[in-house]
Amino acid sequence: MHMLIRVATEDDVDTLFAIRTSVQQNHLSREQLAGLGITPQVLAEGIREAPCVWIAEVDGQPAAFSMADLAQGEVFAMFVRPAYEGLGLGRQLMAVTEAALFERHETLFLITDGREEIRANGFYRRLGWALEDRVDGDDVRYRKSRAS
């Protein structure tokens, strides 16, 4: 099995939406994403502005992606297709994303669904992220400092 992490391009926008809408936990449809202001145009614009999205491929197939808001120091998204879970893609993508953010910030943050059954919470804690606060609804904010 060959794994590769690469910077996403505008040509990858449909692939990013396919991965994002494939997940079972924290699932959102394309319509729901559009309602949040996450559209193909917005994503393509972000990719044009800076290298802020990374795709993990397994044997040439897009399997996962991460996205950062470089200006704000935020991990904005991290999703793995269900068929590729457990291969370490999330860890590899987070390492790349954190490195890009730590080039610009001392402290990073991310917001995710804070419900106990959401596996992402354990994943982030295992990677050294600290729960900082509860935010909108069920969402929580995690923080990670360069020294973590």
C-alpha atoms as a PDB file:
ATOM      1  CA  MET A   1       0.000   0.000   0.000  1.00  0.00           C
ATOM      2  CA  HIS A   2       1.422   3.368  -1.071  1.00  0.00           C
ATOM      3  CA  MET A   3       0.411   6.497   0.871  1.00  0.00           C
ATOM      4  CA  LEU A   4       1.045  10.045  -0.309  1.00  0.00           C
ATOM      5  CA  ILE A   5       0.123  13.419   1.180  1.00  0.00           C
ATOM      6  CA  ARG A   6       0.044  16.315  -1.237  1.00  0.00           C
ATOM      7  CA  VAL A   7      -1.193  19.898  -1.399  1.00  0.00           C
ATOM      8  CA  ALA A   8      -4.671  20.127  -2.921  1.00  0.00           C
ATOM      9  CA  THR A   9      -5.326  22.153  -6.055  1.00  0.00           C
ATOM     10  CA  GLU A  10      -8.473  23.735  -7.430  1.00  0.00           C
ATOM     11  CA  ASP A  11      -8.952  20.560  -9.489  1.00  0.00           C
ATOM     12  CA  ASP A  12      -9.487  18.675  -6.208  1.00  0.00           C
ATOM     13  CA  VAL A  13     -12.547  20.625  -5.032  1.00  0.00           C
ATOM     14  CA  ASP A  14     -15.076  17.941  -6.060  1.00  0.00           C
ATOM     15  CA  THR A  15     -12.890  15.278  -4.434  1.00  0.00           C
ATOM     16  CA  LEU A  16     -12.808  17.259  -1.189  1.00  0.00           C
ATOM     17  CA  PHE A  17     -16.593  17.467  -1.160  1.00  0.00           C
ATOM     18  CA  ALA A  18     -16.853  13.733  -1.922  1.00  0.00           C
ATOM     19  CA  ILE A  19     -14.613  12.906   1.049  1.00  0.00           C
ATOM     20  CA  ARG A  20     -16.393  15.380   3.351  1.00  0.00           C
ATOM     21  CA  THR A  21     -19.851  14.032   2.531  1.00  0.00           C
ATOM     22  CA  SER A  22     -18.738  10.387   2.854  1.00  0.00           C
ATOM     23  CA  VAL A  23     -18.125  10.468   6.609  1.00  0.00           C
ATOM     24  CA  GLN A  24     -20.598   8.955   9.046  1.00  0.00           C
ATOM     25  CA  GLN A  25     -19.892  11.045  12.139  1.00  0.00           C
ATOM     26  CA  ASN A  26     -20.341  14.796  11.775  1.00  0.00           C
ATOM     27  CA  HIS A  27     -21.878  14.143   8.355  1.00  0.00           C
ATOM     28  CA  LEU A  28     -23.059  17.130   6.343  1.00  0.00           C
ATOM     29  CA  SER A  29     -24.551  17.090   2.844  1.00  0.00           C
ATOM     30  CA  ARG A  30     -23.439  19.473   0.108  1.00  0.00           C
ATOM     31  CA  GLU A  31     -26.604  21.464   0.743  1.00  0.00           C
ATOM     32  CA  GLN A  32     -25.859  21.728   4.468  1.00  0.00           C
ATOM     33  CA  LEU A  33     -22.282  22.781   3.720  1.00  0.00           C
ATOM     34  CA  ALA A  34     -23.542  25.455   1.322  1.00  0.00           C
ATOM     35  CA  GLY A  35     -25.852  26.704   4.084  1.00  0.00           C
ATOM     36  CA  LEU A  36     -22.718  27.199   6.207  1.00  0.00           C
ATOM     37  CA  GLY A  37     -21.041  29.119   3.395  1.00  0.00           C
ATOM     38  CA  ILE A  38     -18.825  26.219   2.326  1.00  0.00           C
ATOM     39  CA  THR A  39     -19.217  26.096  -1.443  1.00  0.00           C
ATOM     40  CA  PRO A  40     -16.969  24.915  -4.263  1.00  0.00           C
ATOM     41  CA  GLN A  41     -16.231  28.545  -5.129  1.00  0.00           C
ATOM     42  CA  VAL A  42     -15.213  29.437  -1.566  1.00  0.00           C
ATOM     43  CA  LEU A  43     -13.027  26.335  -1.290  1.00  0.00           C
ATOM     44  CA  ALA A  44     -11.355  26.998  -4.645  1.00  0.00           C
ATOM     45  CA  GLU A  45     -10.672  30.591  -3.598  1.00  0.00           C
ATOM     46  CA  GLY A  46      -9.019  29.436  -0.373  1.00  0.00           C
ATOM     47  CA  ILE A  47      -6.829  27.001  -2.274  1.00  0.00           C
ATOM     48  CA  ARG A  48      -5.821  29.748  -4.729  1.00  0.00           C
ATOM     49  CA  GLU A  49      -4.831  32.093  -1.894  1.00  0.00           C
ATOM     50  CA  ALA A  50      -2.510  29.721  -0.010  1.00  0.00           C
ATOM     51  CA  PRO A  51      -1.520  26.060   0.362  1.00  0.00           C
ATOM     52  CA  CYS A  52      -4.160  25.365   3.008  1.00  0.00           C
ATOM     53  CA  VAL A  53      -5.586  21.945   2.059  1.00  0.00           C
ATOM     54  CA  TRP A  54      -3.780  18.607   1.984  1.00  0.00           C
ATOM     55  CA  ILE A  55      -5.033  15.338   0.522  1.00  0.00           C
ATOM     56  CA  ALA A  56      -3.938  11.872   1.586  1.00  0.00           C
ATOM     57  CA  GLU A  57      -3.980   9.286  -1.177  1.00  0.00           C
ATOM     58  CA  VAL A  58      -3.767   5.528  -0.818  1.00  0.00           C
ATOM     59  CA  ASP A  59      -2.616   3.713  -3.940  1.00  0.00           C
ATOM     60  CA  GLY A  60      -3.501   6.822  -5.952  1.00  0.00           C
ATOM     61  CA  GLN A  61      -7.033   7.112  -4.527  1.00  0.00           C
ATOM     62  CA  PRO A  62      -8.030  10.214  -2.511  1.00  0.00           C
ATOM     63  CA  ALA A  63      -8.800   8.942   0.976  1.00  0.00           C
ATOM     64  CA  ALA A  64      -8.678  11.898   3.395  1.00  0.00           C
ATOM     65  CA  PHE A  65      -8.018  15.606   3.659  1.00  0.00           C
ATOM     66  CA  SER A  66      -7.218  18.334   6.129  1.00  0.00           C
ATOM     67  CA  MET A  67      -7.706  22.063   5.804  1.00  0.00           C
ATOM     68  CA  ALA A  68      -6.314  24.987   7.763  1.00  0.00           C
ATOM     69  CA  ASP A  69      -7.136  28.642   8.156  1.00  0.00           C
ATOM     70  CA  LEU A  70      -3.527  29.827   8.017  1.00  0.00           C
ATOM     71  CA  ALA A  71      -4.343  33.408   9.030  1.00  0.00           C
ATOM     72  CA  GLN A  72      -6.310  32.393  12.131  1.00  0.00           C
ATOM     73  CA  GLY A  73      -4.200  29.413  13.231  1.00  0.00           C
ATOM     74  CA  GLU A  74      -7.125  27.015  12.975  1.00  0.00           C
ATOM     75  CA  VAL A  75      -7.406  23.414  11.834  1.00  0.00           C
ATOM     76  CA  PHE A  76     -10.607  23.926   9.880  1.00  0.00           C
ATOM     77  CA  ALA A  77     -11.298  20.380   8.679  1.00  0.00           C
ATOM     78  CA  MET A  78      -9.949  16.837   8.903  1.00  0.00           C
ATOM     79  CA  PHE A  79     -11.913  13.996   7.328  1.00  0.00           C
ATOM     80  CA  VAL A  80     -11.142  10.401   6.348  1.00  0.00           C
ATOM     81  CA  ARG A  81     -13.318   8.264   4.074  1.00  0.00           C
ATOM     82  CA  PRO A  82     -14.746   5.399   6.162  1.00  0.00           C
ATOM     83  CA  ALA A  83     -13.054   2.742   3.988  1.00  0.00           C
ATOM     84  CA  TYR A  84      -9.635   4.226   4.853  1.00  0.00           C
ATOM     85  CA  GLU A  85     -10.010   4.710   8.600  1.00  0.00           C
ATOM     86  CA  GLY A  86      -7.374   3.158  10.834  1.00  0.00           C
ATOM     87  CA  LEU A  87      -4.475   3.542   8.391  1.00  0.00           C
ATOM     88  CA  GLY A  88      -2.879   6.517  10.159  1.00  0.00           C
ATOM     89  CA  LEU A  89      -3.933   9.030   7.514  1.00  0.00           C
ATOM     90  CA  GLY A  90      -5.464  11.353  10.105  1.00  0.00           C
ATOM     91  CA  ARG A  91      -2.245  11.448  12.115  1.00  0.00           C
ATOM     92  CA  GLN A  92      -0.159  12.132   9.021  1.00  0.00           C
ATOM     93  CA  LEU A  93      -2.485  14.880   7.820  1.00  0.00           C
ATOM     94  CA  MET A  94      -2.575  16.514  11.255  1.00  0.00           C
ATOM     95  CA  ALA A  95       1.228  16.512  11.391  1.00  0.00           C
ATOM     96  CA  VAL A  96       1.415  18.339   8.045  1.00  0.00           C
ATOM     97  CA  THR A  97      -1.376  20.752   8.977  1.00  0.00           C
ATOM     98  CA  GLU A  98       0.055  21.543  12.404  1.00  0.00           C
ATOM     99  CA  ALA A  99       3.520  22.139  10.920  1.00  0.00           C
ATOM    100  CA  ALA A 100       2.090  24.658   8.426  1.00  0.00           C
ATOM    101  CA  LEU A 101       0.184  26.446  11.180  1.00  0.00           C
ATOM    102  CA  PHE A 102       3.090  26.457  13.661  1.00  0.00           C
ATOM    103  CA  GLU A 103       5.167  28.292  11.029  1.00  0.00           C
ATOM    104  CA  ARG A 104       2.820  31.237  11.636  1.00  0.00           C
ATOM    105  CA  HIS A 105       1.380  30.778  15.147  1.00  0.00           C
ATOM    106  CA  GLU A 106       2.510  29.739  18.634  1.00  0.00           C
ATOM    107  CA  THR A 107      -0.929  28.386  19.561  1.00  0.00           C
ATOM    108  CA  LEU A 108      -3.413  26.605  17.297  1.00  0.00           C
ATOM    109  CA  PHE A 109      -7.071  25.823  17.728  1.00  0.00           C
ATOM    110  CA  LEU A 110      -9.852  23.748  16.246  1.00  0.00           C
ATOM    111  CA  ILE A 111     -13.569  23.420  16.860  1.00  0.00           C
ATOM    112  CA  THR A 112     -15.443  20.142  16.636  1.00  0.00           C
ATOM    113  CA  ASP A 113     -18.574  18.405  17.844  1.00  0.00           C
ATOM    114  CA  GLY A 114     -18.000  17.794  21.548  1.00  0.00           C
ATOM    115  CA  ARG A 115     -20.438  14.936  22.096  1.00  0.00           C
ATOM    116  CA  GLU A 116     -18.767  11.958  23.778  1.00  0.00           C
ATOM    117  CA  GLU A 117     -19.640   9.529  20.985  1.00  0.00           C
ATOM    118  CA  ILE A 118     -17.726  11.607  18.439  1.00  0.00           C
ATOM    119  CA  ARG A 119     -14.414   9.786  17.944  1.00  0.00           C
ATOM    120  CA  ALA A 120     -12.585  12.921  16.802  1.00  0.00           C
ATOM    121  CA  ASN A 121     -12.425  14.107  20.412  1.00  0.00           C
ATOM    122  CA  GLY A 122     -10.282  11.170  21.507  1.00  0.00           C
ATOM    123  CA  PHE A 123      -8.191  11.493  18.354  1.00  0.00           C
ATOM    124  CA  TYR A 124      -7.362  15.136  19.058  1.00  0.00           C
ATOM    125  CA  ARG A 125      -6.603  14.486  22.727  1.00  0.00           C
ATOM    126  CA  ARG A 126      -4.225  11.642  21.792  1.00  0.00           C
ATOM    127  CA  LEU A 127      -2.388  14.107  19.538  1.00  0.00           C
ATOM    128  CA  GLY A 128      -1.842  16.528  22.412  1.00  0.00           C
ATOM    129  CA  TRP A 129      -4.760  18.891  21.888  1.00  0.00           C
ATOM    130  CA  ALA A 130      -6.307  20.256  25.104  1.00  0.00           C
ATOM    131  CA  LEU A 131     -10.004  20.914  25.526  1.00  0.00           C
ATOM    132  CA  GLU A 132     -10.331  24.645  26.106  1.00  0.00           C
ATOM    133  CA  ASP A 133     -14.017  25.523  26.182  1.00  0.00           C
ATOM    134  CA  ARG A 134     -17.512  24.724  24.988  1.00  0.00           C
ATOM    135  CA  VAL A 135     -18.727  26.912  22.128  1.00  0.00           C
ATOM    136  CA  ASP A 136     -21.931  26.974  20.060  1.00  0.00           C
ATOM    137  CA  GLY A 137     -24.351  24.156  20.902  1.00  0.00           C
ATOM    138  CA  ASP A 138     -22.494  20.843  21.237  1.00  0.00           C
ATOM    139  CA  ASP A 139     -19.248  22.172  19.762  1.00  0.00           C
ATOM    140  CA  VAL A 140     -16.004  22.418  21.719  1.00  0.00           C
ATOM    141  CA  ARG A 141     -12.762  24.287  21.145  1.00  0.00           C
ATOM    142  CA  TYR A 142      -9.377  22.571  21.431  1.00  0.00           C
ATOM    143  CA  ARG A 143      -6.015  24.317  21.727  1.00  0.00           C
ATOM    144  CA  LYS A 144      -2.467  23.164  21.049  1.00  0.00           C
ATOM    145  CA  SER A 145       0.699  25.113  21.725  1.00  0.00           C
ATOM    146  CA  ARG A 146       4.037  24.640  20.027  1.00  0.00           C
ATOM    147  CA  ALA A 147       5.444  23.250  23.292  1.00  0.00           C
ATOM    148  CA  SER A 148       2.725  20.522  23.497  1.00  0.00           C
END
